[in-house]
Amino acid sequence: MVLPTFPDVDRIKRRIQSPDYRDWRKKVEDVYGCLHPVRLSGLWQITDKATGQVLTRPDGRPAQTSGHILSPCGNRRESVCPACSDRYAADAFHLMRAGLAGGSKGIPVSVADKPRLFVTLTAPSFGPVHNRRTTASGKLAPCRCGAYHHEHDPLIGQPIDPEAYDYTGHVLWQAHSGKLWNRFTQKLRRHLARAAGLAHREFKDHARLSYAKVAEFQRRGVIHFHAVIRLDGPEGAADATPPWGTVELLADAVHAAHASTTVTTPVFGDGQVLELAWGEQVDVRPVRPAEAHRFEDEHGTISDDRIASYVAKYATKGTGKSEAADRPIRARVQIEQLNTTEHHKRIMRTAWDLGAPQACTDCHPHGEHQADGCDCAVIDHCATCGNGGQVPGPLAELNLRRWCHMLAFRGHFLSKSRAYSTTFKQLREDRQAWRFEQNLADLGVTADTVAVVNHWDMTSVGHRSDEERELASAIAEATRQARKHRYATERSH
């Protein structure tokens, strides 16, 4: 029997030549090449508030859209959706730069003259790992294992002795890193108040600590924080910093707070308690004014524009690359199926095991269920566990299993104090308002004379084929390159 042969078909070419391609491409371009768009079905129109009639654009088309449209997924992970991640990075840049240079997003330009620091706080060591070391002169030095590692060597970040590595300490430090940061800012305010001769409760009447921080995963699977810290007057960005507030005083307070900040874990295991602190390495650099040169000088001072770009990069680098998983782990066996290193799998296994529930002490007073003659057999109803046989473990408040895929890191990758600058929500609302105003300007009407009908229902998520997904990826890359070129051109003038 001879099987029929089929001609090779270029399915991408066939999709491009299909009758609905232009309409589909326009919809994908509207969401910047999102790889997992939400498909909506419904109606949008602008009507005259008095007559109820749909308004007409200058070209004769009605001011309405009906049928199917696409909405961006909004995922911040570069590994999931580069287009939405890139948009998040752009928003992060504007959010960071507004708090550094001012002059936009409701932040005055005077913030550029305030005491500002760029601070990097690291995690402690949980055991020696392979690394690529250099001497003070820039010469490559051997790793502790005696070898010279290439910069892309997969061994970098892996423990030299996995059996001696403190995975429990690693996971619990990571889970408490957000709390450690909060405690650090509290200590920082106390040190500033003490240096200014104020009681701690009086500090808020004289000054305000404003900051924005981003978390970055190191190759060993633990995060460190990059933060911009600014000293304001009591009302925030628009209020002048008190005369005693200097860059030197702020830097000294950061060093003091870094050295004195600790967090204690709940009791777990056989009565274990860990005291967690920052790593010994801390980098504190002053930020020069916005109008200064845009590169780091010989004193380690860096510009606000450079920092905004740097932080925006890590805002999505952290969400995009953690060497872990893109989605939550639902069962321990899933960890073994991940395409990652054994070191990162052990971190996740440790988090999963530490977050496990424990046997109910009323049902099973001697520990786990006993096959022969267990007390749970004579209990009609257990009020403690509802006959489930298990209760939350001592570390239940950390939600370690929920955050197992993030190597136990439970915080936001980018967060800020209330008065630092604008918010992501405000940036989105500003874009929506701008589009609405553009539509009204095209129609020659004002907002108080029209009514907007906007009703959509979700029908599906994602593209319908691999060909559409690949084409969307190409559109996303083209959009990104065009935006980068436009920004580079604007900055050069």
Protein backbone atom coordinates (compact mmCIF):
# COMPACT_ATOMS: atom_id res chain seq x y z
CA MET A 1 0.00 0.00 0.00
CA VAL A 2 1.40 3.40 -0.98
CA LEU A 3 0.37 6.30 1.23
CA PRO A 4 -0.51 9.55 -0.54
CA THR A 5 1.98 12.38 -0.31
CA PHE A 6 0.94 15.90 0.57
CA PRO A 7 2.75 19.02 -0.57
CA ASP A 8 4.60 21.02 2.06
CA VAL A 9 2.37 23.87 3.16
CA ASP A 10 3.74 27.06 4.68
CA ARG A 11 1.02 27.56 7.24
CA ILE A 12 2.23 31.04 8.23
CA LYS A 13 2.07 32.10 4.59
CA ARG A 14 -1.40 30.60 4.30
CA ARG A 15 -2.54 32.55 7.40
CA ILE A 16 -1.14 35.80 5.96
CA GLN A 17 -2.98 35.19 2.70
CA SER A 18 -6.31 34.42 4.40
CA PRO A 19 -9.15 36.95 3.83
CA ASP A 20 -9.43 37.99 7.49
CA TYR A 21 -5.69 38.49 8.07
CA ARG A 22 -5.67 42.29 7.92
CA ASP A 23 -8.53 42.55 10.39
CA TRP A 24 -6.82 40.04 12.71
CA ARG A 25 -3.47 41.81 12.45
CA LYS A 26 -5.04 45.16 13.31
CA LYS A 27 -6.55 43.65 16.45
CA VAL A 28 -3.21 42.10 17.46
CA GLU A 29 -1.37 45.39 16.85
CA ASP A 30 -3.91 47.12 19.10
CA VAL A 31 -2.74 44.82 21.95
CA TYR A 32 0.94 45.26 20.97
CA GLY A 33 1.39 41.61 19.97
CA CYS A 34 0.13 40.02 23.21
CA LEU A 35 0.71 36.24 23.15
CA HIS A 36 -2.30 35.37 25.32
CA PRO A 37 -4.98 37.93 24.43
CA VAL A 38 -8.44 37.74 25.95
CA ARG A 39 -11.05 37.47 23.19
CA LEU A 40 -14.14 39.55 23.95
CA SER A 41 -17.51 39.73 22.24
CA GLY A 42 -19.81 42.71 22.62
CA LEU A 43 -20.41 46.34 21.78
CA TRP A 44 -18.87 49.79 22.29
CA GLN A 45 -20.44 53.02 21.07
CA ILE A 46 -20.66 56.72 21.81
CA THR A 47 -24.18 58.13 21.66
CA ASP A 48 -25.72 61.56 21.99
CA LYS A 49 -27.04 61.86 25.53
CA ALA A 50 -30.14 63.77 24.42
CA THR A 51 -31.23 61.74 21.38
CA GLY A 52 -29.63 58.37 22.01
CA GLN A 53 -28.29 58.29 18.44
CA VAL A 54 -24.85 56.87 17.70
CA LEU A 55 -22.47 59.68 16.75
CA THR A 56 -20.69 59.76 13.41
CA ARG A 57 -16.97 60.32 12.83
CA PRO A 58 -15.73 62.91 10.30
CA ASP A 59 -15.09 60.13 7.74
CA GLY A 60 -18.73 59.00 7.97
CA ARG A 61 -18.14 55.90 10.09
CA PRO A 62 -20.29 55.43 13.20
CA ALA A 63 -18.53 55.81 16.56
CA GLN A 64 -18.99 52.21 17.52
CA THR A 65 -17.29 48.82 17.56
CA SER A 66 -19.08 45.49 17.72
CA GLY A 67 -18.23 41.84 17.32
CA HIS A 68 -14.93 40.40 18.56
CA ILE A 69 -11.98 42.34 19.93
CA LEU A 70 -8.79 41.40 21.76
CA SER A 71 -7.67 42.63 25.16
CA PRO A 72 -4.08 42.22 26.45
CA CYS A 73 -3.51 39.53 29.07
CA GLY A 74 -1.50 41.92 31.27
CA ASN A 75 0.92 39.22 32.43
CA ARG A 76 4.12 40.77 33.80
CA ARG A 77 6.31 37.72 33.13
CA GLU A 78 8.53 38.05 30.09
CA SER A 79 8.60 34.26 29.74
CA VAL A 80 4.79 34.24 29.46
CA CYS A 81 4.09 37.37 27.40
CA PRO A 82 6.97 39.59 26.21
CA ALA A 83 4.57 42.25 24.92
CA CYS A 84 2.72 42.81 28.19
CA SER A 85 5.94 42.45 30.18
CA ASP A 86 7.56 45.12 28.01
CA ARG A 87 4.63 47.44 28.60
CA TYR A 88 4.91 46.85 32.33
CA ALA A 89 8.62 47.74 32.13
CA ALA A 90 7.77 50.97 30.31
CA ASP A 91 5.27 51.88 33.03
CA ALA A 92 7.87 50.99 35.68
CA PHE A 93 10.33 53.35 34.01
CA HIS A 94 7.89 56.28 34.09
CA LEU A 95 6.87 55.49 37.67
CA MET A 96 10.51 55.37 38.80
CA ARG A 97 11.67 58.39 36.84
CA ALA A 98 8.78 60.55 38.03
CA GLY A 99 9.90 59.99 41.62
CA LEU A 100 13.54 60.68 40.73
CA ALA A 101 13.45 63.64 38.36
CA GLY A 102 9.92 65.01 38.74
CA GLY A 103 8.33 67.21 36.11
CA SER A 104 5.69 64.61 35.21
CA LYS A 105 2.93 62.48 36.73
CA GLY A 106 2.15 65.21 39.26
CA ILE A 107 5.63 65.18 40.82
CA PRO A 108 7.47 68.56 40.97
CA VAL A 109 10.97 68.91 39.52
CA SER A 110 12.21 69.93 42.97
CA VAL A 111 12.52 66.25 43.95
CA ALA A 112 15.73 66.14 41.87
CA ASP A 113 17.41 68.36 44.47
CA LYS A 114 16.40 66.25 47.47
CA PRO A 115 18.63 63.70 49.24
CA ARG A 116 18.31 60.51 47.21
CA LEU A 117 20.13 57.18 47.39
CA PHE A 118 20.26 54.07 45.26
CA VAL A 119 20.57 51.16 47.70
CA THR A 120 21.14 47.45 47.08
CA LEU A 121 20.39 45.05 49.94
CA THR A 122 21.44 41.43 49.58
CA ALA A 123 20.68 38.09 51.20
CA PRO A 124 23.16 36.35 53.51
CA SER A 125 25.12 33.28 52.49
CA PHE A 126 23.49 29.90 52.99
CA GLY A 127 26.53 28.03 51.76
CA PRO A 128 29.32 28.59 49.20
CA VAL A 129 28.23 28.53 45.56
CA HIS A 130 30.09 28.47 42.28
CA ASN A 131 30.78 32.00 41.06
CA ARG A 132 32.86 34.05 38.68
CA ARG A 133 35.11 36.25 40.81
CA THR A 134 37.35 39.10 39.77
CA THR A 135 40.11 40.89 41.64
CA ALA A 136 40.19 44.64 42.33
CA SER A 137 42.18 45.10 39.13
CA GLY A 138 39.52 43.28 37.10
CA LYS A 139 41.52 40.09 36.66
CA LEU A 140 39.57 36.82 36.74
CA ALA A 141 40.05 34.83 39.95
CA PRO A 142 39.36 31.13 40.48
CA CYS A 143 36.15 29.95 42.11
CA ARG A 144 36.28 28.26 45.50
CA CYS A 145 36.11 24.98 43.64
CA GLY A 146 39.41 25.88 41.99
CA ALA A 147 38.01 26.29 38.46
CA TYR A 148 37.57 29.36 36.27
CA HIS A 149 33.92 29.65 35.23
CA HIS A 150 32.68 31.15 31.98
CA GLU A 151 30.05 33.87 32.53
CA HIS A 152 27.34 31.58 31.09
CA ASP A 153 28.51 28.46 32.94
CA PRO A 154 25.36 26.72 34.30
CA LEU A 155 27.31 25.87 37.46
CA ILE A 156 27.36 29.52 38.55
CA GLY A 157 24.99 29.94 41.49
CA GLN A 158 24.87 26.22 42.27
CA PRO A 159 26.10 25.06 45.72
CA ILE A 160 29.62 23.68 45.82
CA ASP A 161 28.42 21.17 48.44
CA PRO A 162 24.63 20.72 48.09
CA GLU A 163 24.42 18.53 51.19
CA ALA A 164 25.89 21.27 53.37
CA TYR A 165 23.77 24.06 51.85
CA ASP A 166 21.20 25.56 54.24
CA TYR A 167 18.03 25.15 52.17
CA THR A 168 15.77 25.69 55.18
CA GLY A 169 17.43 29.01 55.99
CA HIS A 170 17.30 29.98 52.30
CA VAL A 171 13.56 29.34 52.04
CA LEU A 172 12.64 31.02 55.33
CA TRP A 173 14.79 34.08 54.59
CA GLN A 174 13.13 34.39 51.20
CA ALA A 175 9.66 34.06 52.72
CA HIS A 176 10.46 36.77 55.28
CA SER A 177 12.27 39.17 52.92
CA GLY A 178 9.22 41.45 52.60
CA LYS A 179 8.89 41.64 56.37
CA LEU A 180 12.63 42.26 56.62
CA TRP A 181 12.27 45.23 54.25
CA ASN A 182 9.38 46.66 56.30
CA ARG A 183 11.43 46.32 59.48
CA PHE A 184 14.38 47.97 57.69
CA THR A 185 12.30 51.06 56.78
CA GLN A 186 11.07 51.31 60.37
CA LYS A 187 14.65 51.19 61.64
CA LEU A 188 15.67 53.74 59.02
CA ARG A 189 13.06 56.23 60.25
CA ARG A 190 14.22 55.70 63.84
CA HIS A 191 17.86 56.34 62.97
CA LEU A 192 16.93 59.47 61.00
CA ALA A 193 14.84 60.77 63.87
CA ARG A 194 17.63 60.10 66.36
CA ALA A 195 20.19 61.85 64.14
CA ALA A 196 17.88 64.88 63.86
CA GLY A 197 17.34 64.99 67.63
CA LEU A 198 13.68 63.97 67.33
CA ALA A 199 11.57 61.37 69.05
CA HIS A 200 10.47 58.61 66.70
CA ARG A 201 6.81 59.64 66.95
CA GLU A 202 7.78 63.21 65.94
CA PHE A 203 9.55 62.17 62.72
CA LYS A 204 6.37 62.20 60.60
CA ASP A 205 5.78 65.85 61.54
CA HIS A 206 9.16 66.90 60.13
CA ALA A 207 10.02 64.51 57.29
CA ARG A 208 8.79 61.59 55.21
CA LEU A 209 10.73 58.61 53.88
CA SER A 210 9.75 57.85 50.27
CA TYR A 211 11.05 54.87 48.33
CA ALA A 212 10.54 52.50 45.45
CA LYS A 213 12.15 49.05 45.37
CA VAL A 214 12.45 46.17 42.94
CA ALA A 215 13.34 42.55 43.71
CA GLU A 216 15.84 40.70 41.53
CA PHE A 217 16.55 36.97 41.59
CA GLN A 218 20.22 36.07 41.82
CA ARG A 219 21.48 32.96 40.07
CA ARG A 220 21.64 31.10 43.39
CA GLY A 221 17.85 31.43 43.61
CA VAL A 222 17.57 34.13 46.26
CA ILE A 223 16.44 37.71 45.77
CA HIS A 224 18.05 41.00 46.60
CA PHE A 225 16.49 44.45 46.56
CA HIS A 226 17.39 47.53 44.52
CA ALA A 227 15.78 50.61 46.05
CA VAL A 228 15.60 54.34 45.46
CA ILE A 229 15.25 56.10 48.81
CA ARG A 230 14.32 59.79 49.01
CA LEU A 231 13.94 62.09 52.01
CA ASP A 232 10.94 64.44 51.70
CA GLY A 233 9.18 66.97 53.83
CA PRO A 234 6.21 65.74 55.90
CA GLU A 235 3.71 66.26 53.02
CA GLY A 236 5.70 64.23 50.50
CA ALA A 237 7.27 65.03 47.13
CA ALA A 238 6.04 68.64 46.94
CA ASP A 239 7.26 69.49 50.44
CA ALA A 240 10.85 70.68 51.03
CA THR A 241 13.22 68.39 52.91
CA PRO A 242 14.09 69.76 56.39
CA PRO A 243 17.50 71.51 56.62
CA TRP A 244 19.05 68.68 58.65
CA GLY A 245 18.19 66.15 55.94
CA THR A 246 21.36 65.56 53.91
CA VAL A 247 22.59 62.79 51.64
CA GLU A 248 25.35 61.95 54.15
CA LEU A 249 22.89 61.66 57.05
CA LEU A 250 20.56 59.49 54.97
CA ALA A 251 23.45 57.21 53.91
CA ASP A 252 24.62 56.80 57.52
CA ALA A 253 21.08 55.93 58.59
CA VAL A 254 20.82 53.31 55.83
CA HIS A 255 24.04 51.64 56.99
CA ALA A 256 22.88 51.68 60.63
CA ALA A 257 19.43 50.29 59.78
CA HIS A 258 20.98 47.59 57.57
CA ALA A 259 23.21 46.40 60.42
CA SER A 260 20.47 46.34 63.09
CA THR A 261 17.48 44.88 61.22
CA THR A 262 16.44 41.33 62.15
CA VAL A 263 13.32 39.18 61.89
CA THR A 264 12.55 36.06 63.92
CA THR A 265 10.75 33.09 62.34
CA PRO A 266 7.88 31.20 64.00
CA VAL A 267 8.83 28.09 65.96
CA PHE A 268 8.94 25.09 63.63
CA GLY A 269 10.30 21.55 63.49
CA ASP A 270 11.70 20.44 66.83
CA GLY A 271 11.45 23.86 68.43
CA GLN A 272 13.67 25.60 65.88
CA VAL A 273 13.68 29.38 65.57
CA LEU A 274 15.83 31.34 63.10
CA GLU A 275 16.91 34.96 63.37
CA LEU A 276 17.11 36.42 59.87
CA ALA A 277 19.08 39.46 58.74
CA TRP A 278 20.48 41.08 55.60
CA GLY A 279 23.67 39.88 53.98
CA GLU A 280 26.91 41.68 54.74
CA GLN A 281 27.08 43.25 51.28
CA VAL A 282 25.21 46.56 51.00
CA ASP A 283 25.70 49.13 48.25
CA VAL A 284 24.70 52.75 48.96
CA ARG A 285 25.16 55.36 46.22
CA PRO A 286 23.96 58.97 45.99
CA VAL A 287 21.84 59.97 42.98
CA ARG A 288 22.89 63.11 41.14
CA PRO A 289 20.36 65.68 39.82
CA ALA A 290 18.36 65.03 36.67
CA GLU A 291 20.15 67.58 34.52
CA ALA A 292 23.59 66.07 35.27
CA HIS A 293 25.52 63.73 32.97
CA ARG A 294 23.79 60.38 32.58
CA PHE A 295 26.57 58.04 33.50
CA GLU A 296 28.18 56.97 36.74
CA ASP A 297 31.19 59.11 37.63
CA GLU A 298 34.43 58.18 39.37
CA HIS A 299 32.78 58.63 42.79
CA GLY A 300 30.01 56.07 42.11
CA THR A 301 27.30 58.71 41.74
CA ILE A 302 24.64 57.79 39.18
CA SER A 303 21.89 59.70 37.44
CA ASP A 304 18.14 59.33 37.88
CA ASP A 305 17.51 58.49 34.23
CA ARG A 306 20.04 55.68 34.36
CA ILE A 307 18.52 54.29 37.57
CA ALA A 308 14.97 54.44 36.18
CA SER A 309 16.03 52.36 33.18
CA TYR A 310 17.98 49.99 35.44
CA VAL A 311 15.10 49.43 37.83
CA ALA A 312 12.57 49.06 34.99
CA LYS A 313 14.81 46.38 33.50
CA TYR A 314 14.89 44.41 36.73
CA ALA A 315 11.18 44.95 37.37
CA THR A 316 10.49 42.55 34.50
CA LYS A 317 13.71 40.57 34.71
CA GLY A 318 12.60 39.48 38.16
CA THR A 319 9.13 38.52 36.98
CA GLY A 320 10.46 36.92 33.84
CA LYS A 321 13.38 34.81 35.03
CA SER A 322 13.54 33.12 38.39
CA GLU A 323 14.77 29.68 37.26
CA ALA A 324 11.62 28.34 38.86
CA ALA A 325 8.09 28.02 37.46
CA ASP A 326 5.70 30.42 35.75
CA ARG A 327 2.64 29.09 37.56
CA PRO A 328 1.85 27.78 41.06
CA ILE A 329 2.79 24.22 41.99
CA ARG A 330 -0.24 22.04 42.79
CA ALA A 331 1.55 18.81 43.74
CA ARG A 332 5.08 17.92 44.81
CA VAL A 333 5.52 15.66 41.78
CA GLN A 334 5.24 18.72 39.50
CA ILE A 335 8.58 19.96 40.82
CA GLU A 336 10.37 16.96 39.30
CA GLN A 337 8.91 17.75 35.87
CA LEU A 338 10.26 21.31 35.74
CA ASN A 339 13.08 22.17 33.36
CA THR A 340 15.40 23.72 35.92
CA THR A 341 18.47 22.87 37.98
CA GLU A 342 18.55 20.39 40.86
CA HIS A 343 19.44 23.28 43.19
CA HIS A 344 16.25 25.17 42.35
CA LYS A 345 14.21 21.98 42.64
CA ARG A 346 15.60 21.43 46.13
CA ILE A 347 14.58 24.96 47.10
CA MET A 348 11.04 24.25 45.93
CA ARG A 349 10.95 20.84 47.63
CA THR A 350 12.08 22.46 50.88
CA ALA A 351 9.38 25.14 50.59
CA TRP A 352 6.75 22.50 49.82
CA ASP A 353 7.76 20.34 52.80
CA LEU A 354 8.03 23.24 55.26
CA GLY A 355 4.56 24.37 54.25
CA ALA A 356 2.98 20.96 54.83
CA PRO A 357 0.06 20.57 57.26
CA GLN A 358 0.55 18.41 60.37
CA ALA A 359 -1.46 15.63 61.93
CA CYS A 360 -4.31 16.79 64.17
CA THR A 361 -3.18 16.37 67.79
CA ASP A 362 -6.72 15.46 68.91
CA CYS A 363 -7.24 12.76 66.26
CA HIS A 364 -3.65 11.52 66.26
CA PRO A 365 -2.04 12.37 69.63
CA HIS A 366 0.96 10.17 68.80
CA GLY A 367 1.75 11.83 65.46
CA GLU A 368 0.70 10.46 62.09
CA HIS A 369 -2.20 8.05 61.61
CA GLN A 370 -1.55 4.62 63.12
CA ALA A 371 -2.78 1.72 60.99
CA ASP A 372 -3.51 -0.41 64.05
CA GLY A 373 -5.63 1.07 66.81
CA CYS A 374 -5.43 4.78 66.02
CA ASP A 375 -7.43 7.10 68.29
CA CYS A 376 -9.16 8.70 65.29
CA ALA A 377 -11.27 5.53 64.91
CA VAL A 378 -13.18 6.22 68.13
CA ILE A 379 -13.82 9.92 67.51
CA ASP A 380 -17.28 10.66 66.06
CA HIS A 381 -16.40 14.26 65.24
CA CYS A 382 -13.22 16.27 65.80
CA ALA A 383 -13.90 19.96 66.34
CA THR A 384 -10.24 20.80 65.73
CA CYS A 385 -9.87 19.49 62.19
CA GLY A 386 -13.48 18.69 61.20
CA ASN A 387 -12.49 15.02 60.78
CA GLY A 388 -9.93 15.99 58.17
CA GLY A 389 -7.11 14.55 60.23
CA GLN A 390 -4.78 17.48 59.53
CA VAL A 391 -4.32 21.04 60.75
CA PRO A 392 -2.13 23.88 59.44
CA GLY A 393 1.55 23.50 60.23
CA PRO A 394 3.60 25.97 62.31
CA LEU A 395 4.64 27.90 59.17
CA ALA A 396 1.15 28.05 57.64
CA GLU A 397 1.08 31.88 57.76
CA LEU A 398 3.92 31.97 55.20
CA ASN A 399 1.86 30.14 52.51
CA LEU A 400 5.02 28.35 51.39
CA ARG A 401 3.21 25.91 49.12
CA ARG A 402 1.35 28.70 47.37
CA TRP A 403 4.65 30.53 46.69
CA CYS A 404 6.71 27.42 46.07
CA HIS A 405 6.95 28.25 42.34
CA MET A 406 8.56 31.59 43.29
CA LEU A 407 11.18 29.87 45.46
CA ALA A 408 9.21 31.06 48.54
CA PHE A 409 9.42 34.77 47.64
CA ARG A 410 6.02 36.19 48.61
CA GLY A 411 6.39 39.89 47.82
CA HIS A 412 5.74 42.14 44.85
CA PHE A 413 8.60 42.60 42.41
CA LEU A 414 8.06 46.35 42.32
CA SER A 415 6.59 48.28 45.23
CA LYS A 416 6.80 51.81 46.55
CA SER A 417 5.73 54.06 49.37
CA ARG A 418 2.54 56.06 48.87
CA ALA A 419 4.18 59.45 48.33
CA TYR A 420 7.07 58.36 46.08
CA SER A 421 5.30 59.01 42.76
CA THR A 422 2.31 57.91 40.70
CA THR A 423 0.85 54.38 40.57
CA PHE A 424 0.43 51.73 37.88
CA LYS A 425 -3.32 52.14 38.22
CA GLN A 426 -3.06 55.87 37.60
CA LEU A 427 -0.89 55.29 34.52
CA ARG A 428 -3.51 52.93 33.09
CA GLU A 429 -6.32 55.37 33.87
CA ASP A 430 -4.37 58.20 32.22
CA ARG A 431 -4.05 56.16 29.03
CA GLN A 432 -7.77 55.39 29.06
CA ALA A 433 -8.62 59.06 29.61
CA TRP A 434 -6.29 60.11 26.77
CA ARG A 435 -7.94 57.67 24.34
CA PHE A 436 -11.40 58.84 25.40
CA GLU A 437 -10.43 62.48 24.90
CA GLN A 438 -9.03 61.65 21.46
CA ASN A 439 -12.33 60.05 20.48
CA LEU A 440 -14.28 63.07 21.71
CA ALA A 441 -11.96 65.44 19.84
CA ASP A 442 -12.47 63.48 16.61
CA LEU A 443 -16.24 63.68 17.08
CA GLY A 444 -16.18 67.35 18.04
CA VAL A 445 -18.15 66.83 21.26
CA THR A 446 -17.59 67.13 25.00
CA ALA A 447 -17.89 64.47 27.68
CA ASP A 448 -21.00 65.99 29.27
CA THR A 449 -23.03 65.68 26.05
CA VAL A 450 -22.41 61.99 25.31
CA ALA A 451 -23.09 58.58 26.80
CA VAL A 452 -20.71 55.65 26.35
CA VAL A 453 -22.05 52.11 25.95
CA ASN A 454 -19.34 49.58 26.75
CA HIS A 455 -20.39 45.95 27.22
CA TRP A 456 -18.13 42.94 26.57
CA ASP A 457 -18.19 39.25 27.47
CA MET A 458 -15.15 36.99 27.44
CA THR A 459 -15.32 34.16 24.89
CA SER A 460 -11.79 32.67 24.95
CA VAL A 461 -8.14 33.26 25.84
CA GLY A 462 -5.12 32.97 23.56
CA HIS A 463 -4.54 32.74 19.84
CA ARG A 464 -6.30 30.08 17.80
CA SER A 465 -3.19 28.45 16.30
CA ASP A 466 0.59 28.25 16.56
CA GLU A 467 0.85 30.32 13.37
CA GLU A 468 -1.10 33.19 14.93
CA ARG A 469 1.02 33.00 18.05
CA GLU A 470 4.25 33.16 16.03
CA LEU A 471 2.98 36.09 13.97
CA ALA A 472 1.90 37.87 17.17
CA SER A 473 5.39 37.35 18.59
CA ALA A 474 6.88 39.01 15.49
CA ILE A 475 4.45 41.93 15.83
CA ALA A 476 5.42 42.32 19.50
CA GLU A 477 9.13 42.45 18.64
CA ALA A 478 8.56 44.97 15.85
CA THR A 479 6.50 47.15 18.21
CA ARG A 480 9.18 46.96 20.87
CA GLN A 481 11.98 47.93 18.48
CA ALA A 482 9.93 50.83 17.09
CA ARG A 483 9.28 52.13 20.61
CA LYS A 484 12.96 51.84 21.58
CA HIS A 485 13.98 53.70 18.43
CA ARG A 486 11.43 56.44 19.12
CA TYR A 487 12.61 56.89 22.72
CA ALA A 488 16.27 56.93 21.62
CA THR A 489 15.48 59.60 19.05
CA GLU A 490 13.55 61.70 21.58
CA ARG A 491 16.39 61.56 24.12
CA SER A 492 19.01 62.54 21.55
CA HIS A 493 17.24 65.86 20.84
